[in-house]
């Protein structure tokens, strides 16, 4: 989709949204269950893939408006 000639008519934000969407689809296609132990270890490698995806688009040093709402149960 990004190689289509009419993409140059789009602005920079639309190109970023398309790029993010395709990257998200590719990342989710790589997520799989490694075991059937019904524990968090079933998705060890997949968790690393998802963390890598998040780190590509999020700056961990910036302050998040939801930082005070994040809780671990």
PDB file of N, CA and C in Angstrom:
ATOM      1  N   UNK A   1       0.827  -1.189   0.000  1.00  0.00           N
ATOM      2  CA  UNK A   1       0.000   0.000   0.000  1.00  0.00           C
ATOM      3  C   UNK A   1       0.875   1.258   0.000  1.00  0.00           C
ATOM      4  N   UNK A   2       2.012   1.190   0.707  1.00  0.00           N
ATOM      5  CA  UNK A   2       2.889   2.357   0.762  1.00  0.00           C
ATOM      6  C   UNK A   2       3.613   2.603  -0.556  1.00  0.00           C
ATOM      7  N   UNK A   3       3.680   1.595  -1.423  1.00  0.00           N
ATOM      8  CA  UNK A   3       4.363   1.752  -2.698  1.00  0.00           C
ATOM      9  C   UNK A   3       3.457   2.303  -3.794  1.00  0.00           C
ATOM     10  N   UNK A   4       2.185   2.464  -3.493  1.00  0.00           N
ATOM     11  CA  UNK A   4       1.236   2.961  -4.484  1.00  0.00           C
ATOM     12  C   UNK A   4       1.582   4.410  -4.839  1.00  0.00           C
ATOM     13  N   UNK A   5       1.539   4.789  -6.129  1.00  0.00           N
ATOM     14  CA  UNK A   5       1.935   6.147  -6.536  1.00  0.00           C
ATOM     15  C   UNK A   5       1.102   7.262  -5.910  1.00  0.00           C
ATOM     16  N   UNK A   6      -0.153   6.993  -5.599  1.00  0.00           N
ATOM     17  CA  UNK A   6      -0.997   8.056  -5.049  1.00  0.00           C
ATOM     18  C   UNK A   6      -0.719   8.321  -3.574  1.00  0.00           C
ATOM     19  N   UNK A   7       0.154   7.518  -2.943  1.00  0.00           N
ATOM     20  CA  UNK A   7       0.456   7.704  -1.525  1.00  0.00           C
ATOM     21  C   UNK A   7       1.145   9.050  -1.300  1.00  0.00           C
ATOM     22  N   UNK A   8       1.795   9.570  -2.307  1.00  0.00           N
ATOM     23  CA  UNK A   8       2.486  10.842  -2.159  1.00  0.00           C
ATOM     24  C   UNK A   8       1.509  11.995  -1.991  1.00  0.00           C
ATOM     25  N   UNK A   9       0.252  11.774  -2.344  1.00  0.00           N
ATOM     26  CA  UNK A   9      -0.771  12.809  -2.149  1.00  0.00           C
ATOM     27  C   UNK A   9      -1.186  12.885  -0.681  1.00  0.00           C
ATOM     28  N   UNK A  10      -0.949  11.817   0.086  1.00  0.00           N
ATOM     29  CA  UNK A  10      -1.303  11.808   1.499  1.00  0.00           C
ATOM     30  C   UNK A  10      -0.301  12.623   2.303  1.00  0.00           C
ATOM     31  N   UNK A  11      -0.731  13.102   3.432  1.00  0.00           N
ATOM     32  CA  UNK A  11       0.215  13.822   4.286  1.00  0.00           C
ATOM     33  C   UNK A  11       1.023  12.839   5.131  1.00  0.00           C
ATOM     34  N   UNK A  12       1.976  13.361   5.867  1.00  0.00           N
ATOM     35  CA  UNK A  12       2.919  12.537   6.623  1.00  0.00           C
ATOM     36  C   UNK A  12       2.218  11.695   7.694  1.00  0.00           C
ATOM     37  N   UNK A  13       1.185  12.227   8.335  1.00  0.00           N
ATOM     38  CA  UNK A  13       0.491  11.488   9.391  1.00  0.00           C
ATOM     39  C   UNK A  13      -0.251  10.267   8.848  1.00  0.00           C
ATOM     40  N   UNK A  14      -0.805  10.397   7.652  1.00  0.00           N
ATOM     41  CA  UNK A  14      -1.509   9.265   7.045  1.00  0.00           C
ATOM     42  C   UNK A  14      -0.510   8.158   6.707  1.00  0.00           C
ATOM     43  N   UNK A  15       0.656   8.542   6.195  1.00  0.00           N
ATOM     44  CA  UNK A  15       1.688   7.551   5.897  1.00  0.00           C
ATOM     45  C   UNK A  15       2.123   6.828   7.169  1.00  0.00           C
ATOM     46  N   UNK A  16       2.282   7.578   8.273  1.00  0.00           N
ATOM     47  CA  UNK A  16       2.663   6.960   9.550  1.00  0.00           C
ATOM     48  C   UNK A  16       1.588   5.997  10.028  1.00  0.00           C
ATOM     49  N   UNK A  17       0.321   6.376   9.857  1.00  0.00           N
ATOM     50  CA  UNK A  17      -0.781   5.515  10.304  1.00  0.00           C
ATOM     51  C   UNK A  17      -0.813   4.221   9.497  1.00  0.00           C
ATOM     52  N   UNK A  18      -0.589   4.327   8.201  1.00  0.00           N
ATOM     53  CA  UNK A  18      -0.572   3.132   7.355  1.00  0.00           C
ATOM     54  C   UNK A  18       0.606   2.244   7.739  1.00  0.00           C
ATOM     55  N   UNK A  19       1.764   2.848   7.947  1.00  0.00           N
ATOM     56  CA  UNK A  19       2.969   2.097   8.334  1.00  0.00           C
ATOM     57  C   UNK A  19       2.734   1.376   9.661  1.00  0.00           C
ATOM     58  N   UNK A  20       2.165   2.090  10.655  1.00  0.00           N
ATOM     59  CA  UNK A  20       1.895   1.498  11.965  1.00  0.00           C
ATOM     60  C   UNK A  20       0.919   0.330  11.827  1.00  0.00           C
ATOM     61  N   UNK A  21      -0.121   0.521  11.048  1.00  0.00           N
ATOM     62  CA  UNK A  21      -1.138  -0.515  10.885  1.00  0.00           C
ATOM     63  C   UNK A  21      -0.545  -1.785  10.277  1.00  0.00           C
ATOM     64  N   UNK A  22       0.278  -1.641   9.260  1.00  0.00           N
ATOM     65  CA  UNK A  22       0.899  -2.802   8.632  1.00  0.00           C
ATOM     66  C   UNK A  22       1.898  -3.478   9.572  1.00  0.00           C
ATOM     67  N   UNK A  23       2.644  -2.684  10.317  1.00  0.00           N
ATOM     68  CA  UNK A  23       3.585  -3.239  11.287  1.00  0.00           C
ATOM     69  C   UNK A  23       2.833  -3.991  12.383  1.00  0.00           C
ATOM     70  N   UNK A  24       1.707  -3.449  12.828  1.00  0.00           N
ATOM     71  CA  UNK A  24       0.877  -4.093  13.851  1.00  0.00           C
ATOM     72  C   UNK A  24       0.339  -5.435  13.350  1.00  0.00           C
ATOM     73  N   UNK A  25      -0.157  -5.459  12.114  1.00  0.00           N
ATOM     74  CA  UNK A  25      -0.670  -6.714  11.543  1.00  0.00           C
ATOM     75  C   UNK A  25       0.427  -7.770  11.457  1.00  0.00           C
ATOM     76  N   UNK A  26       1.610  -7.349  11.014  1.00  0.00           N
ATOM     77  CA  UNK A  26       2.726  -8.295  10.896  1.00  0.00           C
ATOM     78  C   UNK A  26       3.147  -8.825  12.263  1.00  0.00           C
ATOM     79  N   UNK A  27       3.186  -7.949  13.260  1.00  0.00           N
ATOM     80  CA  UNK A  27       3.559  -8.367  14.609  1.00  0.00           C
ATOM     81  C   UNK A  27       2.542  -9.357  15.166  1.00  0.00           C
ATOM     82  N   UNK A  28       1.254  -9.060  15.000  1.00  0.00           N
ATOM     83  CA  UNK A  28       0.227  -9.973  15.505  1.00  0.00           C
ATOM     84  C   UNK A  28       0.240 -11.319  14.784  1.00  0.00           C
ATOM     85  N   UNK A  29       0.651 -11.319  13.524  1.00  0.00           N
ATOM     86  CA  UNK A  29       0.708 -12.595  12.800  1.00  0.00           C
ATOM     87  C   UNK A  29       1.820 -13.493  13.345  1.00  0.00           C
ATOM     88  N   UNK A  30       2.781 -12.912  14.058  1.00  0.00           N
ATOM     89  CA  UNK A  30       3.889 -13.685  14.625  1.00  0.00           C
ATOM     90  C   UNK A  30       3.601 -14.170  16.048  1.00  0.00           C
ATOM     91  N   UNK A  31       2.518 -13.688  16.646  1.00  0.00           N
ATOM     92  CA  UNK A  31       2.175 -14.082  18.015  1.00  0.00           C
ATOM     93  C   UNK A  31       1.556 -15.479  17.988  1.00  0.00           C
ATOM     94  N   UNK A  32       2.074 -16.345  18.844  1.00  0.00           N
ATOM     95  CA  UNK A  32       1.562 -17.707  18.899  1.00  0.00           C
ATOM     96  C   UNK A  32       1.741 -18.275  20.305  1.00  0.00           C
ATOM     97  N   UNK A  33       1.053 -19.354  20.543  1.00  0.00           N
ATOM     98  CA  UNK A  33       1.133 -20.019  21.842  1.00  0.00           C
ATOM     99  C   UNK A  33       2.164 -21.130  21.761  1.00  0.00           C
ATOM    100  N   UNK A  34       3.131 -21.126  22.678  1.00  0.00           N
ATOM    101  CA  UNK A  34       4.210 -22.113  22.639  1.00  0.00           C
ATOM    102  C   UNK A  34       3.888 -23.387  23.404  1.00  0.00           C
ATOM    103  N   UNK A  35       3.034 -23.287  24.383  1.00  0.00           N
ATOM    104  CA  UNK A  35       2.716 -24.453  25.202  1.00  0.00           C
ATOM    105  C   UNK A  35       1.260 -24.353  25.655  1.00  0.00           C
ATOM    106  N   UNK A  36       0.788 -25.409  26.261  1.00  0.00           N
ATOM    107  CA  UNK A  36      -0.577 -25.429  26.790  1.00  0.00           C
ATOM    108  C   UNK A  36      -0.565 -25.652  28.290  1.00  0.00           C
ATOM    109  N   UNK A  37       0.302 -24.947  28.979  1.00  0.00           N
ATOM    110  CA  UNK A  37       0.410 -25.087  30.429  1.00  0.00           C
ATOM    111  C   UNK A  37      -0.560 -24.189  31.183  1.00  0.00           C
ATOM    112  N   UNK A  38      -1.307 -23.370  30.448  1.00  0.00           N
ATOM    113  CA  UNK A  38      -2.226 -22.406  31.052  1.00  0.00           C
ATOM    114  C   UNK A  38      -1.515 -21.492  32.041  1.00  0.00           C
ATOM    115  N   UNK A  39      -0.356 -21.017  31.645  1.00  0.00           N
ATOM    116  CA  UNK A  39       0.395 -20.069  32.466  1.00  0.00           C
ATOM    117  C   UNK A  39       0.966 -18.988  31.558  1.00  0.00           C
ATOM    118  N   UNK A  40       1.547 -17.984  32.174  1.00  0.00           N
ATOM    119  CA  UNK A  40       2.088 -16.880  31.388  1.00  0.00           C
ATOM    120  C   UNK A  40       3.268 -17.310  30.527  1.00  0.00           C
ATOM    121  N   UNK A  41       3.911 -18.416  30.873  1.00  0.00           N
ATOM    122  CA  UNK A  41       5.057 -18.893  30.090  1.00  0.00           C
ATOM    123  C   UNK A  41       4.638 -19.450  28.726  1.00  0.00           C
ATOM    124  N   UNK A  42       3.339 -19.625  28.501  1.00  0.00           N
ATOM    125  CA  UNK A  42       2.858 -20.130  27.214  1.00  0.00           C
ATOM    126  C   UNK A  42       3.176 -19.170  26.073  1.00  0.00           C
ATOM    127  N   UNK A  43       3.320 -17.890  26.393  1.00  0.00           N
ATOM    128  CA  UNK A  43       3.528 -16.863  25.375  1.00  0.00           C
ATOM    129  C   UNK A  43       4.858 -16.137  25.559  1.00  0.00           C
ATOM    130  N   UNK A  44       5.904 -16.819  25.985  1.00  0.00           N
ATOM    131  CA  UNK A  44       7.198 -16.183  26.276  1.00  0.00           C
ATOM    132  C   UNK A  44       7.729 -15.375  25.099  1.00  0.00           C
ATOM    133  N   UNK A  45       7.915 -16.012  23.952  1.00  0.00           N
ATOM    134  CA  UNK A  45       8.470 -15.326  22.785  1.00  0.00           C
ATOM    135  C   UNK A  45       7.512 -14.271  22.243  1.00  0.00           C
ATOM    136  N   UNK A  46       6.234 -14.553  22.287  1.00  0.00           N
ATOM    137  CA  UNK A  46       5.252 -13.603  21.793  1.00  0.00           C
ATOM    138  C   UNK A  46       5.239 -12.334  22.627  1.00  0.00           C
ATOM    139  N   UNK A  47       5.444 -12.467  23.918  1.00  0.00           N
ATOM    140  CA  UNK A  47       5.504 -11.293  24.777  1.00  0.00           C
ATOM    141  C   UNK A  47       6.679 -10.401  24.387  1.00  0.00           C
ATOM    142  N   UNK A  48       7.800 -11.001  24.052  1.00  0.00           N
ATOM    143  CA  UNK A  48       8.967 -10.226  23.614  1.00  0.00           C
ATOM    144  C   UNK A  48       8.696  -9.512  22.295  1.00  0.00           C
ATOM    145  N   UNK A  49       7.991 -10.177  21.384  1.00  0.00           N
ATOM    146  CA  UNK A  49       7.627  -9.541  20.120  1.00  0.00           C
ATOM    147  C   UNK A  49       6.737  -8.325  20.344  1.00  0.00           C
ATOM    148  N   UNK A  50       5.765  -8.464  21.229  1.00  0.00           N
ATOM    149  CA  UNK A  50       4.855  -7.356  21.501  1.00  0.00           C
ATOM    150  C   UNK A  50       5.556  -6.213  22.234  1.00  0.00           C
ATOM    151  N   UNK A  51       6.462  -6.541  23.135  1.00  0.00           N
ATOM    152  CA  UNK A  51       7.229  -5.495  23.815  1.00  0.00           C
ATOM    153  C   UNK A  51       8.103  -4.742  22.824  1.00  0.00           C
ATOM    154  N   UNK A  52       8.690  -5.450  21.880  1.00  0.00           N
ATOM    155  CA  UNK A  52       9.507  -4.816  20.851  1.00  0.00           C
ATOM    156  C   UNK A  52       8.655  -3.870  20.004  1.00  0.00           C
ATOM    157  N   UNK A  53       7.437  -4.305  19.645  1.00  0.00           N
ATOM    158  CA  UNK A  53       6.537  -3.451  18.869  1.00  0.00           C
ATOM    159  C   UNK A  53       6.212  -2.173  19.638  1.00  0.00           C
ATOM    160  N   UNK A  54       5.882  -2.310  20.902  1.00  0.00           N
ATOM    161  CA  UNK A  54       5.541  -1.140  21.722  1.00  0.00           C
ATOM    162  C   UNK A  54       6.727  -0.199  21.835  1.00  0.00           C
ATOM    163  N   UNK A  55       7.914  -0.747  22.043  1.00  0.00           N
ATOM    164  CA  UNK A  55       9.103   0.097  22.186  1.00  0.00           C
ATOM    165  C   UNK A  55       9.467   0.832  20.906  1.00  0.00           C
ATOM    166  N   UNK A  56       9.029   0.319  19.751  1.00  0.00           N
ATOM    167  CA  UNK A  56       9.297   1.021  18.493  1.00  0.00           C
ATOM    168  C   UNK A  56       8.495   2.312  18.398  1.00  0.00           C
ATOM    169  N   UNK A  57       7.358   2.382  19.057  1.00  0.00           N
ATOM    170  CA  UNK A  57       6.463   3.528  18.891  1.00  0.00           C
ATOM    171  C   UNK A  57       6.271   4.367  20.143  1.00  0.00           C
ATOM    172  N   UNK A  58       6.773   3.930  21.270  1.00  0.00           N
ATOM    173  CA  UNK A  58       6.588   4.641  22.536  1.00  0.00           C
ATOM    174  C   UNK A  58       7.943   5.075  23.073  1.00  0.00           C
ATOM    175  N   UNK A  59       8.018   6.303  23.526  1.00  0.00           N
ATOM    176  CA  UNK A  59       9.230   6.795  24.173  1.00  0.00           C
ATOM    177  C   UNK A  59       9.075   6.557  25.671  1.00  0.00           C
ATOM    178  N   UNK A  60       9.835   5.639  26.253  1.00  0.00           N
ATOM    179  CA  UNK A  60       9.662   5.310  27.673  1.00  0.00           C
ATOM    180  C   UNK A  60      10.043   6.457  28.616  1.00  0.00           C
ATOM    181  N   UNK A  61      10.829   7.407  28.129  1.00  0.00           N
ATOM    182  CA  UNK A  61      11.239   8.511  28.999  1.00  0.00           C
ATOM    183  C   UNK A  61      10.189   9.622  29.067  1.00  0.00           C
ATOM    184  N   UNK A  62       9.246   9.630  28.141  1.00  0.00           N
ATOM    185  CA  UNK A  62       8.223  10.679  28.171  1.00  0.00           C
ATOM    186  C   UNK A  62       7.175  10.370  29.231  1.00  0.00           C
ATOM    187  N   UNK A  63       6.563  11.406  29.740  1.00  0.00           N
ATOM    188  CA  UNK A  63       5.533  11.208  30.755  1.00  0.00           C
ATOM    189  C   UNK A  63       4.209  10.875  30.076  1.00  0.00           C
ATOM    190  N   UNK A  64       3.551   9.896  30.585  1.00  0.00           N
ATOM    191  CA  UNK A  64       2.282   9.455  30.024  1.00  0.00           C
ATOM    192  C   UNK A  64       1.130  10.050  30.817  1.00  0.00           C
ATOM    193  N   UNK A  65       0.082  10.485  30.138  1.00  0.00           N
ATOM    194  CA  UNK A  65      -1.082  11.005  30.867  1.00  0.00           C
ATOM    195  C   UNK A  65      -1.793   9.914  31.662  1.00  0.00           C
ATOM    196  N   UNK A  66      -1.534   8.653  31.350  1.00  0.00           N
ATOM    197  CA  UNK A  66      -2.177   7.541  32.042  1.00  0.00           C
ATOM    198  C   UNK A  66      -1.253   6.877  33.055  1.00  0.00           C
ATOM    199  N   UNK A  67      -0.101   7.467  33.309  1.00  0.00           N
ATOM    200  CA  UNK A  67       0.883   6.845  34.176  1.00  0.00           C
ATOM    201  C   UNK A  67       0.326   6.588  35.587  1.00  0.00           C
ATOM    202  N   UNK A  68      -0.437   7.521  36.106  1.00  0.00           N
ATOM    203  CA  UNK A  68      -0.993   7.340  37.453  1.00  0.00           C
ATOM    204  C   UNK A  68      -2.154   6.342  37.467  1.00  0.00           C
ATOM    205  N   UNK A  69      -2.667   5.966  36.299  1.00  0.00           N
ATOM    206  CA  UNK A  69      -3.783   5.016  36.249  1.00  0.00           C
ATOM    207  C   UNK A  69      -3.310   3.581  36.056  1.00  0.00           C
ATOM    208  N   UNK A  70      -2.045   3.394  35.682  1.00  0.00           N
ATOM    209  CA  UNK A  70      -1.536   2.047  35.446  1.00  0.00           C
ATOM    210  C   UNK A  70      -1.312   1.335  36.784  1.00  0.00           C
ATOM    211  N   UNK A  71      -1.888   0.145  36.890  1.00  0.00           N
ATOM    212  CA  UNK A  71      -1.763  -0.639  38.119  1.00  0.00           C
ATOM    213  C   UNK A  71      -1.521  -2.081  37.760  1.00  0.00           C
ATOM    214  N   UNK A  72      -0.777  -2.737  38.577  1.00  0.00           N
ATOM    215  CA  UNK A  72      -0.618  -4.176  38.449  1.00  0.00           C
ATOM    216  C   UNK A  72      -1.462  -4.855  39.516  1.00  0.00           C
ATOM    217  N   UNK A  73      -2.179  -5.854  39.118  1.00  0.00           N
ATOM    218  CA  UNK A  73      -3.067  -6.533  40.076  1.00  0.00           C
ATOM    219  C   UNK A  73      -2.341  -7.569  40.873  1.00  0.00           C
TER     220      UNK A  73
END
